[in-house]
Amino acid sequence: MKTTIPALLVSGLFVASGSLLASDTYNLDPAHSTVGFNVTHMVINTVHGKFNDFSGNVSLEGKLLKEATGTIQTKSIDTGIDRRDNHLRSPDFFDVAKFPTITFQSKRVEQQGDQTVIIGDFTMHGVTKEISMPVTVKGPIKDPWGNSRIGLQARTKLNRREYGLKYNQALETGGLVVSDEVELEINAEAVKAK
């Protein structure tokens, strides 16, 4: 039996669409998720903060992470100190009026040893750079309301100056008031889209 090229293309499309259909989309559950960060202050202490307004989704094929996107509203920054948060919202730092969001769009997922690493474009303060984040996915499990739910943990470090967040002051004893390196940490739950 002779197989024609058009027949191969059609069967290839069915296989490709079948694998696409196998992907499940999960939407972040903000009530059970945290997008946090920490930064060294005056060389002697670590200040922790978070963003209260964010959204995102991930796609899985079986238990394998395939894709992720996220958006953070910069005005929702929260370090627990109003005066500091207002300074962080100002043009000295995030300039939330001009740059209202931080976004992430995955480009690929790689297995590096026993770690899953998601690589994508991270945009903050109008600057886009490729970053890598090791990610742990737990689940899926069925919650008490019949939803399929997963857990996600991701952590990475970035240099805020590379994104144009350059405000700082030098200390008399050496060092800077705010470190350039910032650690970003995501602990999240996501629910399968219906």
Protein backbone atom coordinates (compact mmCIF):
# COMPACT_ATOMS: atom_id res chain seq x y z
CA MET A 1 0.00 0.00 0.00
CA LYS A 2 1.37 3.38 -1.02
CA THR A 3 1.09 6.27 1.43
CA THR A 4 0.97 9.72 -0.10
CA ILE A 5 2.60 12.83 1.34
CA PRO A 6 -0.80 14.55 1.92
CA ALA A 7 -1.97 11.50 3.88
CA LEU A 8 1.16 11.64 6.03
CA LEU A 9 0.61 15.35 6.66
CA VAL A 10 -3.02 14.80 7.67
CA SER A 11 -2.11 11.93 10.01
CA GLY A 12 0.70 14.08 11.45
CA LEU A 13 -1.78 16.85 12.18
CA PHE A 14 -4.04 14.42 14.03
CA VAL A 15 -1.11 13.20 16.12
CA ALA A 16 -0.02 16.78 16.86
CA SER A 17 -3.54 17.90 17.75
CA GLY A 18 -3.94 14.84 19.95
CA SER A 19 -0.83 15.73 21.91
CA LEU A 20 -2.04 19.33 22.23
CA LEU A 21 -5.37 18.12 23.53
CA ALA A 22 -3.50 16.11 26.18
CA SER A 23 -2.30 19.36 27.79
CA ASP A 24 -4.23 20.57 30.81
CA THR A 25 -4.32 24.24 31.82
CA TYR A 26 -4.23 25.18 35.50
CA ASN A 27 -5.03 28.71 36.72
CA LEU A 28 -3.30 30.13 39.81
CA ASP A 29 -5.45 30.26 42.93
CA PRO A 30 -4.51 33.61 44.54
CA ALA A 31 -6.08 32.63 47.87
CA HIS A 32 -3.52 29.84 48.25
CA SER A 33 -0.52 31.37 46.48
CA THR A 34 2.29 33.76 47.30
CA VAL A 35 4.60 35.69 44.99
CA GLY A 36 7.34 36.92 47.28
CA PHE A 37 10.83 38.36 47.23
CA ASN A 38 13.66 39.11 49.58
CA VAL A 39 16.53 41.54 49.41
CA THR A 40 19.49 42.33 51.67
CA HIS A 41 19.19 45.63 53.57
CA MET A 42 22.28 47.51 54.77
CA VAL A 43 24.39 44.34 54.40
CA ILE A 44 23.11 43.00 57.74
CA ASN A 45 19.49 41.95 57.27
CA THR A 46 17.05 40.43 54.79
CA VAL A 47 13.78 42.25 54.09
CA HIS A 48 10.90 40.15 52.81
CA GLY A 49 8.02 41.36 50.68
CA LYS A 50 5.30 40.12 48.37
CA PHE A 51 2.88 41.17 45.68
CA ASN A 52 -0.80 40.82 46.55
CA ASP A 53 -2.30 41.06 43.04
CA PHE A 54 -1.15 38.53 40.44
CA SER A 55 -2.49 35.99 37.97
CA GLY A 56 -1.07 33.18 35.90
CA ASN A 57 -1.51 29.75 34.45
CA VAL A 58 0.51 26.67 33.67
CA SER A 59 0.05 23.83 31.20
CA LEU A 60 0.88 20.24 32.03
CA GLU A 61 1.07 17.12 29.92
CA GLY A 62 0.42 14.41 32.47
CA LYS A 63 2.67 15.53 35.32
CA LEU A 64 5.18 17.32 33.09
CA LEU A 65 5.27 21.11 33.05
CA LYS A 66 5.06 22.46 29.50
CA GLU A 67 4.32 26.18 29.73
CA ALA A 68 3.72 29.01 32.21
CA THR A 69 2.68 32.65 32.15
CA GLY A 70 2.25 35.19 34.91
CA THR A 71 1.40 38.84 35.51
CA ILE A 72 2.07 40.82 38.70
CA GLN A 73 0.48 44.21 39.42
CA THR A 74 3.42 46.27 40.72
CA LYS A 75 1.25 48.64 42.79
CA SER A 76 0.32 45.63 44.97
CA ILE A 77 3.83 45.45 46.47
CA ASP A 78 3.64 44.80 50.21
CA THR A 79 6.53 44.75 52.69
CA GLY A 80 4.29 45.51 55.66
CA ILE A 81 5.53 49.12 55.95
CA ASP A 82 3.38 51.71 54.13
CA ARG A 83 6.12 54.34 53.88
CA ARG A 84 8.57 51.85 52.33
CA ASP A 85 5.89 50.43 50.00
CA ASN A 86 5.04 53.94 48.74
CA HIS A 87 8.75 54.56 48.07
CA LEU A 88 8.97 51.24 46.18
CA ARG A 89 5.98 52.33 44.04
CA SER A 90 7.68 55.64 43.19
CA PRO A 91 9.96 56.42 40.20
CA ASP A 92 12.96 55.61 42.46
CA PHE A 93 12.04 51.92 42.12
CA PHE A 94 9.09 50.32 40.28
CA ASP A 95 7.47 53.54 38.95
CA VAL A 96 4.09 51.82 39.01
CA ALA A 97 2.32 54.59 37.07
CA LYS A 98 4.62 54.02 34.11
CA PHE A 99 5.25 50.26 34.54
CA PRO A 100 2.10 48.75 36.08
CA THR A 101 3.00 45.09 35.53
CA ILE A 102 5.77 42.52 35.77
CA THR A 103 5.28 39.61 33.37
CA PHE A 104 6.71 36.18 32.67
CA GLN A 105 6.22 34.13 29.50
CA SER A 106 7.87 30.73 29.28
CA LYS A 107 9.82 29.76 26.17
CA ARG A 108 10.84 26.22 27.05
CA VAL A 109 11.15 23.70 29.85
CA GLU A 110 14.32 21.66 30.38
CA GLN A 111 15.31 18.77 32.59
CA GLN A 112 18.66 19.59 34.21
CA GLY A 113 19.63 16.49 36.15
CA ASP A 114 16.71 15.77 38.45
CA GLN A 115 15.45 19.38 38.30
CA THR A 116 12.77 20.82 36.05
CA VAL A 117 13.82 24.31 34.90
CA ILE A 118 11.50 26.73 33.16
CA ILE A 119 13.15 29.34 30.94
CA GLY A 120 11.34 32.41 29.70
CA ASP A 121 11.11 36.14 29.23
CA PHE A 122 10.80 38.16 32.45
CA THR A 123 9.75 41.77 31.89
CA MET A 124 10.08 44.36 34.66
CA HIS A 125 10.35 48.13 34.52
CA GLY A 126 10.16 48.00 30.70
CA VAL A 127 13.14 45.64 30.36
CA THR A 128 12.85 42.04 29.16
CA LYS A 129 15.50 39.43 29.97
CA GLU A 130 15.56 35.66 29.79
CA ILE A 131 15.61 33.98 33.20
CA SER A 132 15.68 30.37 34.42
CA MET A 133 13.69 29.08 37.38
CA PRO A 134 13.90 25.61 38.90
CA VAL A 135 10.30 24.49 39.45
CA THR A 136 8.78 21.74 41.57
CA VAL A 137 5.29 20.57 40.64
CA LYS A 138 3.28 18.52 43.15
CA GLY A 139 0.07 16.70 42.30
CA PRO A 140 -2.34 16.77 40.70
CA ILE A 141 -4.74 15.90 43.51
CA LYS A 142 -8.51 16.17 43.78
CA ASP A 143 -9.59 18.81 46.31
CA PRO A 144 -12.71 18.47 48.53
CA TRP A 145 -14.78 20.35 45.92
CA GLY A 146 -13.93 17.98 43.08
CA ASN A 147 -11.34 20.20 41.37
CA SER A 148 -7.99 18.96 40.11
CA ARG A 149 -5.28 20.99 41.86
CA ILE A 150 -1.48 21.21 41.68
CA GLY A 151 1.19 22.84 43.80
CA LEU A 152 4.11 24.82 42.37
CA GLN A 153 7.31 26.05 43.93
CA ALA A 154 9.84 28.17 42.05
CA ARG A 155 12.78 30.29 43.08
CA THR A 156 15.34 32.38 41.21
CA LYS A 157 17.69 35.32 41.71
CA LEU A 158 17.95 38.40 39.54
CA ASN A 159 19.86 41.65 39.50
CA ARG A 160 17.43 44.57 39.82
CA ARG A 161 19.90 47.03 38.27
CA GLU A 162 19.74 45.08 35.00
CA TYR A 163 16.05 46.06 34.90
CA GLY A 164 16.69 49.75 35.53
CA LEU A 165 15.92 49.71 39.28
CA LYS A 166 19.11 51.53 40.23
CA TYR A 167 18.21 53.61 43.28
CA ASN A 168 20.64 53.11 46.15
CA GLN A 169 22.81 54.79 48.76
CA ALA A 170 26.33 53.87 49.85
CA LEU A 171 27.00 53.15 53.50
CA GLU A 172 29.86 54.84 55.38
CA THR A 173 31.19 51.42 56.35
CA GLY A 174 30.98 50.08 52.80
CA GLY A 175 28.22 48.28 51.04
CA LEU A 176 24.84 49.54 49.88
CA VAL A 177 21.53 50.24 51.59
CA VAL A 178 19.73 47.82 49.22
CA SER A 179 21.46 44.88 47.52
CA ASP A 180 21.30 44.58 43.77
CA GLU A 181 20.48 40.88 44.00
CA VAL A 182 16.83 40.02 44.65
CA GLU A 183 15.49 36.54 45.26
CA LEU A 184 12.06 35.85 43.78
CA GLU A 185 10.03 33.00 45.30
CA ILE A 186 6.70 31.56 44.17
CA ASN A 187 4.66 29.14 46.26
CA ALA A 188 1.37 28.50 44.51
CA GLU A 189 -1.63 26.31 44.02
CA ALA A 190 -3.39 26.15 40.67
CA VAL A 191 -6.77 24.70 39.72
CA LYS A 192 -7.47 22.87 36.47
CA ALA A 193 -9.49 25.01 34.07
CA LYS A 194 -12.94 23.62 33.29
